[in-house]
Amino acid sequence: MPRQRSRQGIAVGARYRHRDAPNVTWEVIALYVGVDGKQHAVLSNISDLTWRKTISVIELEQSGHYAQVATL
């Protein structure tokens, strides 16, 4: 499956941590454009794959709440 990349540079497989929960790592598993026209990222907790959330790409990149984690 090809990696999808947002206009801002987020790709499927990228990992992030929330500043308030630095021990939880989230991985981007899908990107899509919502009915509102905004791009969203579906994140999955790498420790518990049943734990998912969807946030806007703007929130992920510009809010300061998430920091990208280097992947191997």
N, C-alpha and C. Protein backbone atom coordinates (compact mmCIF):
# COMPACT_ATOMS: atom_id res chain seq x y z
N MET A 1 0.85 -1.18 0.00
CA MET A 1 0.00 0.00 0.00
C MET A 1 0.89 1.24 0.00
N PRO A 2 0.70 2.18 -0.91
CA PRO A 2 1.54 3.37 -0.95
C PRO A 2 1.28 4.28 0.24
N ARG A 3 2.32 4.97 0.65
CA ARG A 3 2.17 5.92 1.75
C ARG A 3 1.43 7.15 1.26
N GLN A 4 0.49 7.61 2.04
CA GLN A 4 -0.22 8.83 1.70
C GLN A 4 0.44 9.97 2.45
N ARG A 5 0.52 11.11 1.81
CA ARG A 5 1.14 12.27 2.43
C ARG A 5 0.17 13.45 2.35
N SER A 6 0.04 14.17 3.45
CA SER A 6 -0.83 15.34 3.46
C SER A 6 -0.11 16.51 2.81
N ARG A 7 -0.85 17.57 2.59
CA ARG A 7 -0.23 18.78 2.04
C ARG A 7 0.85 19.29 2.98
N GLN A 8 0.69 19.10 4.27
CA GLN A 8 1.64 19.61 5.24
C GLN A 8 2.81 18.65 5.48
N GLY A 9 2.75 17.42 4.98
CA GLY A 9 3.86 16.51 5.13
C GLY A 9 3.63 15.32 6.05
N ILE A 10 2.44 15.15 6.58
CA ILE A 10 2.16 14.00 7.43
C ILE A 10 1.97 12.78 6.54
N ALA A 11 2.60 11.67 6.90
CA ALA A 11 2.50 10.45 6.10
C ALA A 11 1.96 9.31 6.96
N VAL A 12 1.29 8.38 6.31
CA VAL A 12 0.87 7.16 7.00
C VAL A 12 2.14 6.49 7.52
N GLY A 13 2.11 6.08 8.78
CA GLY A 13 3.27 5.47 9.42
C GLY A 13 4.03 6.42 10.33
N ALA A 14 3.77 7.73 10.20
CA ALA A 14 4.43 8.70 11.08
C ALA A 14 3.92 8.51 12.51
N ARG A 15 4.78 8.75 13.47
CA ARG A 15 4.41 8.58 14.88
C ARG A 15 4.51 9.89 15.63
N TYR A 16 3.59 10.03 16.59
CA TYR A 16 3.49 11.26 17.38
C TYR A 16 3.24 10.93 18.84
N ARG A 17 3.61 11.87 19.70
CA ARG A 17 3.28 11.80 21.13
C ARG A 17 2.60 13.09 21.52
N HIS A 18 1.60 12.96 22.39
CA HIS A 18 0.89 14.13 22.92
C HIS A 18 1.69 14.66 24.10
N ARG A 19 1.78 15.97 24.20
CA ARG A 19 2.60 16.57 25.26
C ARG A 19 2.12 16.20 26.67
N ASP A 20 0.81 15.93 26.84
CA ASP A 20 0.28 15.58 28.16
C ASP A 20 0.35 14.09 28.47
N ALA A 21 0.72 13.27 27.49
CA ALA A 21 0.84 11.81 27.70
C ALA A 21 2.05 11.31 26.90
N PRO A 22 3.25 11.69 27.33
CA PRO A 22 4.46 11.38 26.54
C PRO A 22 4.79 9.89 26.45
N ASN A 23 4.17 9.06 27.26
CA ASN A 23 4.44 7.61 27.21
C ASN A 23 3.56 6.89 26.20
N VAL A 24 2.61 7.60 25.61
CA VAL A 24 1.70 6.99 24.62
C VAL A 24 2.15 7.46 23.24
N THR A 25 2.40 6.50 22.36
CA THR A 25 2.81 6.82 20.99
C THR A 25 1.66 6.49 20.04
N TRP A 26 1.35 7.45 19.18
CA TRP A 26 0.29 7.32 18.20
C TRP A 26 0.89 7.22 16.82
N GLU A 27 0.34 6.32 15.99
CA GLU A 27 0.80 6.17 14.62
C GLU A 27 -0.32 6.53 13.65
N VAL A 28 0.03 7.30 12.63
CA VAL A 28 -0.94 7.66 11.59
C VAL A 28 -1.21 6.41 10.76
N ILE A 29 -2.50 5.98 10.74
CA ILE A 29 -2.84 4.78 9.96
C ILE A 29 -3.66 5.11 8.72
N ALA A 30 -4.18 6.34 8.65
CA ALA A 30 -4.95 6.75 7.46
C ALA A 30 -5.05 8.27 7.44
N LEU A 31 -5.18 8.79 6.23
CA LEU A 31 -5.42 10.21 6.00
C LEU A 31 -6.63 10.33 5.07
N TYR A 32 -7.49 11.30 5.34
CA TYR A 32 -8.63 11.51 4.46
C TYR A 32 -9.12 12.95 4.56
N VAL A 33 -9.87 13.36 3.57
CA VAL A 33 -10.49 14.68 3.59
C VAL A 33 -11.94 14.50 4.02
N GLY A 34 -12.33 15.19 5.08
CA GLY A 34 -13.68 15.08 5.61
C GLY A 34 -14.68 15.89 4.79
N VAL A 35 -15.95 15.73 5.14
CA VAL A 35 -17.01 16.46 4.43
C VAL A 35 -16.87 17.97 4.62
N ASP A 36 -16.13 18.37 5.65
CA ASP A 36 -15.89 19.79 5.89
C ASP A 36 -14.76 20.34 5.03
N GLY A 37 -14.13 19.46 4.23
CA GLY A 37 -13.03 19.87 3.36
C GLY A 37 -11.67 19.89 4.03
N LYS A 38 -11.62 19.56 5.31
CA LYS A 38 -10.36 19.56 6.05
C LYS A 38 -9.74 18.17 6.04
N GLN A 39 -8.42 18.14 6.01
CA GLN A 39 -7.74 16.86 6.03
C GLN A 39 -7.64 16.37 7.48
N HIS A 40 -7.88 15.06 7.66
CA HIS A 40 -7.85 14.44 8.98
C HIS A 40 -6.87 13.27 8.98
N ALA A 41 -6.37 12.97 10.16
CA ALA A 41 -5.48 11.82 10.35
C ALA A 41 -6.14 10.88 11.35
N VAL A 42 -6.15 9.60 11.02
CA VAL A 42 -6.62 8.57 11.95
C VAL A 42 -5.38 8.03 12.64
N LEU A 43 -5.37 8.12 13.98
CA LEU A 43 -4.23 7.68 14.77
C LEU A 43 -4.57 6.43 15.55
N SER A 44 -3.60 5.55 15.69
CA SER A 44 -3.76 4.33 16.48
C SER A 44 -2.66 4.28 17.52
N ASN A 45 -3.04 3.92 18.74
CA ASN A 45 -2.06 3.74 19.82
C ASN A 45 -1.24 2.50 19.49
N ILE A 46 0.08 2.62 19.44
CA ILE A 46 0.89 1.46 19.05
C ILE A 46 0.94 0.38 20.12
N SER A 47 0.57 0.72 21.35
CA SER A 47 0.54 -0.28 22.43
C SER A 47 -0.79 -1.01 22.52
N ASP A 48 -1.85 -0.39 22.00
CA ASP A 48 -3.19 -0.98 22.03
C ASP A 48 -3.89 -0.59 20.73
N LEU A 49 -3.81 -1.45 19.73
CA LEU A 49 -4.29 -1.12 18.40
C LEU A 49 -5.80 -0.89 18.32
N THR A 50 -6.53 -1.23 19.38
CA THR A 50 -7.97 -0.97 19.39
C THR A 50 -8.27 0.47 19.80
N TRP A 51 -7.28 1.18 20.28
CA TRP A 51 -7.45 2.56 20.75
C TRP A 51 -7.10 3.49 19.59
N ARG A 52 -8.11 4.11 18.99
CA ARG A 52 -7.92 4.98 17.83
C ARG A 52 -8.61 6.31 18.07
N LYS A 53 -8.11 7.31 17.35
CA LYS A 53 -8.77 8.62 17.37
C LYS A 53 -8.50 9.31 16.04
N THR A 54 -9.37 10.24 15.71
CA THR A 54 -9.25 11.01 14.48
C THR A 54 -9.14 12.48 14.85
N ILE A 55 -8.13 13.14 14.30
CA ILE A 55 -7.95 14.57 14.54
C ILE A 55 -7.61 15.24 13.21
N SER A 56 -7.79 16.53 13.17
CA SER A 56 -7.44 17.25 11.94
C SER A 56 -5.92 17.32 11.82
N VAL A 57 -5.46 17.39 10.59
CA VAL A 57 -4.03 17.53 10.33
C VAL A 57 -3.52 18.84 10.92
N ILE A 58 -4.35 19.88 10.89
CA ILE A 58 -3.97 21.16 11.48
C ILE A 58 -3.69 20.99 12.98
N GLU A 59 -4.56 20.29 13.69
CA GLU A 59 -4.36 20.03 15.12
C GLU A 59 -3.07 19.26 15.35
N LEU A 60 -2.83 18.26 14.53
CA LEU A 60 -1.66 17.41 14.70
C LEU A 60 -0.37 18.19 14.49
N GLU A 61 -0.34 19.07 13.50
CA GLU A 61 0.90 19.76 13.17
C GLU A 61 1.08 21.13 13.82
N GLN A 62 0.00 21.85 14.07
CA GLN A 62 0.16 23.25 14.44
C GLN A 62 -0.26 23.61 15.85
N SER A 63 -0.90 22.70 16.57
CA SER A 63 -1.43 23.06 17.89
C SER A 63 -0.36 23.10 18.97
N GLY A 64 0.75 22.41 18.73
CA GLY A 64 1.77 22.30 19.77
C GLY A 64 1.48 21.19 20.76
N HIS A 65 0.38 20.48 20.59
CA HIS A 65 0.02 19.39 21.49
C HIS A 65 0.72 18.09 21.13
N TYR A 66 1.15 17.95 19.88
CA TYR A 66 1.76 16.71 19.41
C TYR A 66 3.18 16.97 18.90
N ALA A 67 4.07 16.05 19.18
CA ALA A 67 5.44 16.11 18.66
C ALA A 67 5.71 14.84 17.89
N GLN A 68 6.30 14.98 16.71
CA GLN A 68 6.61 13.81 15.89
C GLN A 68 7.76 13.05 16.53
N VAL A 69 7.68 11.72 16.46
CA VAL A 69 8.69 10.83 17.01
C VAL A 69 9.47 10.24 15.84
N ALA A 70 10.76 10.18 15.98
CA ALA A 70 11.59 9.59 14.92
C ALA A 70 11.28 8.10 14.83
N THR A 71 11.13 7.61 13.60
CA THR A 71 10.88 6.19 13.37
C THR A 71 12.11 5.57 12.76
N LEU A 72 12.26 4.28 12.99
CA LEU A 72 13.45 3.58 12.48
C LEU A 72 13.31 3.21 11.04
